[in-house]
Amino acid sequence: MKTNPILEEIWRIKDELSREYAADPDAYFAKLDEIANAEETAGRKVIRSAAELRRLMAAEERQRAEKSAMALNEKPPRKKS
């Protein structure tokens, strides 16, 4: 199965934060909110739900499929008589 770099980055950050804030769940979630707010302030897209992530992943998959389906022909198609 092909891995997704977005999901890998999310999992890496989650694991890093979990190790750092394992004893204090309130501090963990406060840090997540702080990161999300900083990302939004910087103008970046913040995914806040699983449904939103699924929509983003589906849109990216559609774009990949469209790109791979495109073919360049040097000659236009023949007209049928």
C-alpha atoms as a PDB file:
ATOM      1  CA  MET A   1       0.000   0.000   0.000  1.00  0.00           C
ATOM      2  CA  LYS A   2       1.279   3.445  -0.921  1.00  0.00           C
ATOM      3  CA  THR A   3       1.806   5.723   2.079  1.00  0.00           C
ATOM      4  CA  ASN A   4       0.497   9.262   2.194  1.00  0.00           C
ATOM      5  CA  PRO A   5       2.996  11.968   3.222  1.00  0.00           C
ATOM      6  CA  ILE A   6       0.262  14.091   4.857  1.00  0.00           C
ATOM      7  CA  LEU A   7      -0.851  11.242   7.100  1.00  0.00           C
ATOM      8  CA  GLU A   8       2.754  10.303   7.917  1.00  0.00           C
ATOM      9  CA  GLU A   9       3.435  13.879   9.060  1.00  0.00           C
ATOM     10  CA  ILE A  10       0.265  13.921  11.172  1.00  0.00           C
ATOM     11  CA  TRP A  11       1.195  10.636  12.856  1.00  0.00           C
ATOM     12  CA  ARG A  12       4.778  11.805  13.480  1.00  0.00           C
ATOM     13  CA  ILE A  13       3.599  15.022  15.149  1.00  0.00           C
ATOM     14  CA  LYS A  14       0.944  13.168  17.172  1.00  0.00           C
ATOM     15  CA  ASP A  15       3.525  10.673  18.447  1.00  0.00           C
ATOM     16  CA  GLU A  16       5.972  13.454  19.313  1.00  0.00           C
ATOM     17  CA  LEU A  17       3.335  15.412  21.243  1.00  0.00           C
ATOM     18  CA  SER A  18       2.090  12.258  22.973  1.00  0.00           C
ATOM     19  CA  ARG A  19       5.581  11.521  24.280  1.00  0.00           C
ATOM     20  CA  GLU A  20       6.039  15.119  25.438  1.00  0.00           C
ATOM     21  CA  TYR A  21       2.639  15.507  27.161  1.00  0.00           C
ATOM     22  CA  ALA A  22       1.848  11.907  28.187  1.00  0.00           C
ATOM     23  CA  ALA A  23       1.208  12.800  31.835  1.00  0.00           C
ATOM     24  CA  ASP A  24      -1.007  15.834  31.175  1.00  0.00           C
ATOM     25  CA  PRO A  25      -3.861  15.449  28.655  1.00  0.00           C
ATOM     26  CA  ASP A  26      -5.047  19.030  29.250  1.00  0.00           C
ATOM     27  CA  ALA A  27      -1.633  20.401  28.286  1.00  0.00           C
ATOM     28  CA  TYR A  28      -1.615  18.093  25.230  1.00  0.00           C
ATOM     29  CA  PHE A  29      -4.913  19.456  23.905  1.00  0.00           C
ATOM     30  CA  ALA A  30      -3.959  23.031  24.764  1.00  0.00           C
ATOM     31  CA  LYS A  31      -0.790  22.570  22.690  1.00  0.00           C
ATOM     32  CA  LEU A  32      -2.825  21.155  19.777  1.00  0.00           C
ATOM     33  CA  ASP A  33      -5.110  24.206  19.875  1.00  0.00           C
ATOM     34  CA  GLU A  34      -2.086  26.505  20.010  1.00  0.00           C
ATOM     35  CA  ILE A  35      -0.563  24.823  16.946  1.00  0.00           C
ATOM     36  CA  ALA A  36      -3.854  24.934  15.016  1.00  0.00           C
ATOM     37  CA  ASN A  37      -4.388  28.609  15.817  1.00  0.00           C
ATOM     38  CA  ALA A  38      -0.840  29.466  14.737  1.00  0.00           C
ATOM     39  CA  GLU A  39      -1.363  27.602  11.447  1.00  0.00           C
ATOM     40  CA  GLU A  40      -4.636  29.427  10.765  1.00  0.00           C
ATOM     41  CA  THR A  41      -3.031  32.781  11.610  1.00  0.00           C
ATOM     42  CA  ALA A  42      -0.290  31.996   9.102  1.00  0.00           C
ATOM     43  CA  GLY A  43      -2.953  31.362   6.452  1.00  0.00           C
ATOM     44  CA  ARG A  44      -2.583  27.595   6.304  1.00  0.00           C
ATOM     45  CA  LYS A  45      -5.441  25.113   6.106  1.00  0.00           C
ATOM     46  CA  VAL A  46      -6.188  23.350   9.403  1.00  0.00           C
ATOM     47  CA  ILE A  47      -8.051  20.034   9.362  1.00  0.00           C
ATOM     48  CA  ARG A  48     -10.274  19.834  12.437  1.00  0.00           C
ATOM     49  CA  SER A  49     -12.277  16.657  11.812  1.00  0.00           C
ATOM     50  CA  ALA A  50     -12.016  13.214  10.272  1.00  0.00           C
ATOM     51  CA  ALA A  51     -14.738  14.117   7.766  1.00  0.00           C
ATOM     52  CA  GLU A  52     -12.767  17.160   6.641  1.00  0.00           C
ATOM     53  CA  LEU A  53      -9.638  15.017   6.242  1.00  0.00           C
ATOM     54  CA  ARG A  54     -11.580  12.429   4.194  1.00  0.00           C
ATOM     55  CA  ARG A  55     -12.877  15.190   1.865  1.00  0.00           C
ATOM     56  CA  LEU A  56      -9.347  16.565   1.414  1.00  0.00           C
ATOM     57  CA  MET A  57      -7.911  13.119   0.695  1.00  0.00           C
ATOM     58  CA  ALA A  58     -10.700  12.330  -1.806  1.00  0.00           C
ATOM     59  CA  ALA A  59     -10.110  15.631  -3.618  1.00  0.00           C
ATOM     60  CA  GLU A  60      -6.370  14.956  -3.831  1.00  0.00           C
ATOM     61  CA  GLU A  61      -7.008  11.441  -5.126  1.00  0.00           C
ATOM     62  CA  ARG A  62      -9.351  12.826  -7.814  1.00  0.00           C
ATOM     63  CA  GLN A  63      -6.670  15.316  -8.871  1.00  0.00           C
ATOM     64  CA  ARG A  64      -4.060  12.546  -9.107  1.00  0.00           C
ATOM     65  CA  ALA A  65      -6.435  10.414 -11.172  1.00  0.00           C
ATOM     66  CA  GLU A  66      -7.212  13.305 -13.523  1.00  0.00           C
ATOM     67  CA  LYS A  67      -3.522  14.042 -14.046  1.00  0.00           C
ATOM     68  CA  SER A  68      -2.703  10.414 -14.806  1.00  0.00           C
ATOM     69  CA  ALA A  69      -5.698  10.136 -17.165  1.00  0.00           C
ATOM     70  CA  MET A  70      -4.583  13.071 -19.290  1.00  0.00           C
ATOM     71  CA  ALA A  71      -2.743  12.161 -22.462  1.00  0.00           C
ATOM     72  CA  LEU A  72      -1.111  14.456 -24.956  1.00  0.00           C
ATOM     73  CA  ASN A  73      -1.780  13.709 -28.615  1.00  0.00           C
ATOM     74  CA  GLU A  74       0.227  15.475 -31.273  1.00  0.00           C
ATOM     75  CA  LYS A  75      -2.562  15.134 -33.798  1.00  0.00           C
ATOM     76  CA  PRO A  76      -6.197  15.992 -33.232  1.00  0.00           C
ATOM     77  CA  PRO A  77      -8.707  13.131 -33.481  1.00  0.00           C
ATOM     78  CA  ARG A  78      -9.982  12.308 -36.973  1.00  0.00           C
ATOM     79  CA  LYS A  79     -13.427  13.480 -37.915  1.00  0.00           C
ATOM     80  CA  LYS A  80     -15.804  10.724 -38.941  1.00  0.00           C
ATOM     81  CA  SER A  81     -17.296  11.155 -42.405  1.00  0.00           C
END
